[in-house]
Amino acid sequence: QVRLVESGGGLLQPGGSLRLSCVVSGLTLDNYALGWFLQVPAKERERVSCISSDNGRAYYGQSVKGRFTISRDNANNTVYLQMNNLKPEDTGTYYCAAEKDWGMGPAYCWSITPYGVWGQGTQVTVSS
């Protein structure tokens, strides 16, 4: 059974930092793209970042570029999202997701719709 379990969310003030983790079990990450998504109530789920299995190339949404960094540790089946200089508009539930991208090229992770496997989410609240 494939499971993705996010952790690391919390409540913090603007300008703070968090690192989200997503541990994947039930599959080998070598041929999978991994993505982080943000869900805010009454809004569409937003693609925040993704990282390909092809050389670990990373992609970011405009609103988080320069502030967030995605990384992956295939040996430990974990993907991370380092979030710096957090803003109130970063508030919401963050989900990680996985989808095969072998042979599709590094940029494929940004166009995958939909990702096939999802975690349960972790809440991030940025407020003064």
Protein backbone atom coordinates (compact mmCIF):
# COMPACT_ATOMS: atom_id res chain seq x y z
CA GLN A 1 0.00 0.00 0.00
CA VAL A 2 1.37 3.40 -0.99
CA ARG A 3 1.32 6.09 1.68
CA LEU A 4 2.54 9.67 1.81
CA VAL A 5 2.70 11.28 5.24
CA GLU A 6 3.40 14.99 5.60
CA SER A 7 4.67 16.66 8.75
CA GLY A 8 6.26 19.91 9.89
CA GLY A 9 3.36 22.31 9.64
CA GLY A 10 2.56 24.84 12.33
CA LEU A 11 1.64 28.34 13.36
CA LEU A 12 4.21 31.07 13.00
CA GLN A 13 4.66 34.77 12.40
CA PRO A 14 5.41 36.39 9.06
CA GLY A 15 9.06 36.16 8.14
CA GLY A 16 9.51 32.83 9.84
CA SER A 17 10.69 29.52 8.42
CA LEU A 18 9.39 25.96 8.36
CA ARG A 19 10.55 22.71 6.81
CA LEU A 20 7.86 20.33 5.66
CA SER A 21 8.65 16.66 5.24
CA CYS A 22 6.82 13.97 3.32
CA VAL A 23 7.73 10.35 3.92
CA VAL A 24 6.70 7.95 1.17
CA SER A 25 6.21 4.24 1.70
CA GLY A 26 5.10 1.48 -0.62
CA LEU A 27 7.03 2.63 -3.67
CA THR A 28 10.59 3.43 -4.74
CA LEU A 29 11.06 7.10 -5.48
CA ASP A 30 13.73 6.74 -8.16
CA ASN A 31 11.26 7.06 -11.05
CA TYR A 32 8.76 9.40 -9.43
CA ALA A 33 8.25 13.12 -9.61
CA LEU A 34 7.27 14.69 -6.29
CA GLY A 35 5.21 17.78 -5.81
CA TRP A 36 3.97 20.11 -3.10
CA PHE A 37 0.57 21.73 -3.39
CA LEU A 38 -1.28 24.36 -1.35
CA GLN A 39 -4.99 24.17 -0.65
CA VAL A 40 -6.84 27.19 0.68
CA PRO A 41 -10.58 26.94 1.39
CA ALA A 42 -12.76 28.08 -1.53
CA LYS A 43 -9.74 28.17 -3.87
CA GLU A 44 -8.30 25.73 -6.34
CA ARG A 45 -5.37 23.65 -5.21
CA GLU A 46 -2.20 25.51 -6.17
CA ARG A 47 0.96 23.86 -7.44
CA VAL A 48 3.77 25.18 -5.25
CA SER A 49 6.82 23.20 -6.30
CA CYS A 50 7.91 19.96 -7.85
CA ILE A 51 11.11 18.00 -8.26
CA SER A 52 11.76 15.54 -11.03
CA SER A 53 13.41 12.15 -10.79
CA ASP A 54 15.63 13.33 -13.68
CA ASN A 55 18.64 14.87 -11.91
CA GLY A 56 16.37 16.28 -9.22
CA ARG A 57 15.52 19.39 -11.22
CA ALA A 58 13.16 21.65 -9.30
CA TYR A 59 10.37 24.01 -10.35
CA TYR A 60 8.50 26.65 -8.37
CA GLY A 61 5.40 28.76 -8.57
CA GLN A 62 5.97 32.49 -8.98
CA SER A 63 4.66 33.29 -5.52
CA VAL A 64 7.27 31.13 -3.77
CA LYS A 65 10.31 31.48 -6.03
CA GLY A 66 13.33 32.56 -4.05
CA ARG A 67 11.69 31.70 -0.72
CA PHE A 68 10.94 27.96 -0.92
CA THR A 69 13.30 25.11 -1.73
CA ILE A 70 12.26 21.58 -2.57
CA SER A 71 14.62 18.65 -2.13
CA ARG A 72 14.44 14.89 -2.16
CA ASP A 73 16.23 12.07 -0.39
CA ASN A 74 15.51 8.93 -2.36
CA ALA A 75 17.48 6.74 0.03
CA ASN A 76 15.10 7.72 2.82
CA ASN A 77 12.00 8.02 0.61
CA THR A 78 11.46 11.60 1.72
CA VAL A 79 10.76 14.91 0.03
CA TYR A 80 11.18 18.23 1.80
CA LEU A 81 9.94 21.76 1.36
CA GLN A 82 12.04 24.43 3.06
CA MET A 83 9.89 27.52 3.46
CA ASN A 84 11.59 30.81 4.31
CA ASN A 85 10.32 34.36 4.73
CA LEU A 86 6.79 33.06 5.14
CA LYS A 87 3.89 35.37 4.37
CA PRO A 88 0.23 35.29 5.47
CA GLU A 89 -0.74 34.28 1.93
CA ASP A 90 1.26 31.07 2.37
CA THR A 91 -1.36 29.92 4.87
CA GLY A 92 -3.21 26.72 4.04
CA THR A 93 -2.92 22.97 3.90
CA TYR A 94 0.16 21.65 2.14
CA TYR A 95 -0.03 18.31 0.37
CA CYS A 96 2.72 16.24 -1.15
CA ALA A 97 2.08 14.02 -4.14
CA ALA A 98 3.92 11.51 -6.29
CA GLU A 99 3.62 10.42 -9.91
CA LYS A 100 5.84 8.42 -12.26
CA ASP A 101 7.90 10.59 -14.58
CA TRP A 102 10.52 8.16 -15.89
CA GLY A 103 11.55 9.08 -19.41
CA MET A 104 9.33 12.17 -19.57
CA GLY A 105 12.00 14.81 -19.01
CA PRO A 106 12.64 17.00 -15.97
CA ALA A 107 10.00 19.63 -16.74
CA TYR A 108 7.22 17.05 -16.79
CA CYS A 109 6.74 17.31 -13.02
CA TRP A 110 5.29 20.80 -13.46
CA SER A 111 2.67 19.64 -15.98
CA ILE A 112 1.55 16.37 -14.43
CA THR A 113 -2.25 16.42 -14.03
CA PRO A 114 -3.21 14.79 -11.87
CA TYR A 115 -0.62 13.38 -9.56
CA GLY A 116 -1.64 9.85 -8.70
CA VAL A 117 -0.82 9.52 -5.01
CA TRP A 118 -1.42 12.10 -2.29
CA GLY A 119 -0.75 12.60 1.38
CA GLN A 120 -3.25 13.77 3.96
CA GLY A 121 -1.83 17.28 4.26
CA THR A 122 -0.22 19.42 6.94
CA GLN A 123 -1.52 22.82 8.03
CA VAL A 124 0.63 25.94 7.84
CA THR A 125 -0.68 29.15 9.36
CA VAL A 126 1.23 32.40 9.03
CA SER A 127 -0.21 35.16 11.15
CA SER A 128 0.92 38.01 13.36
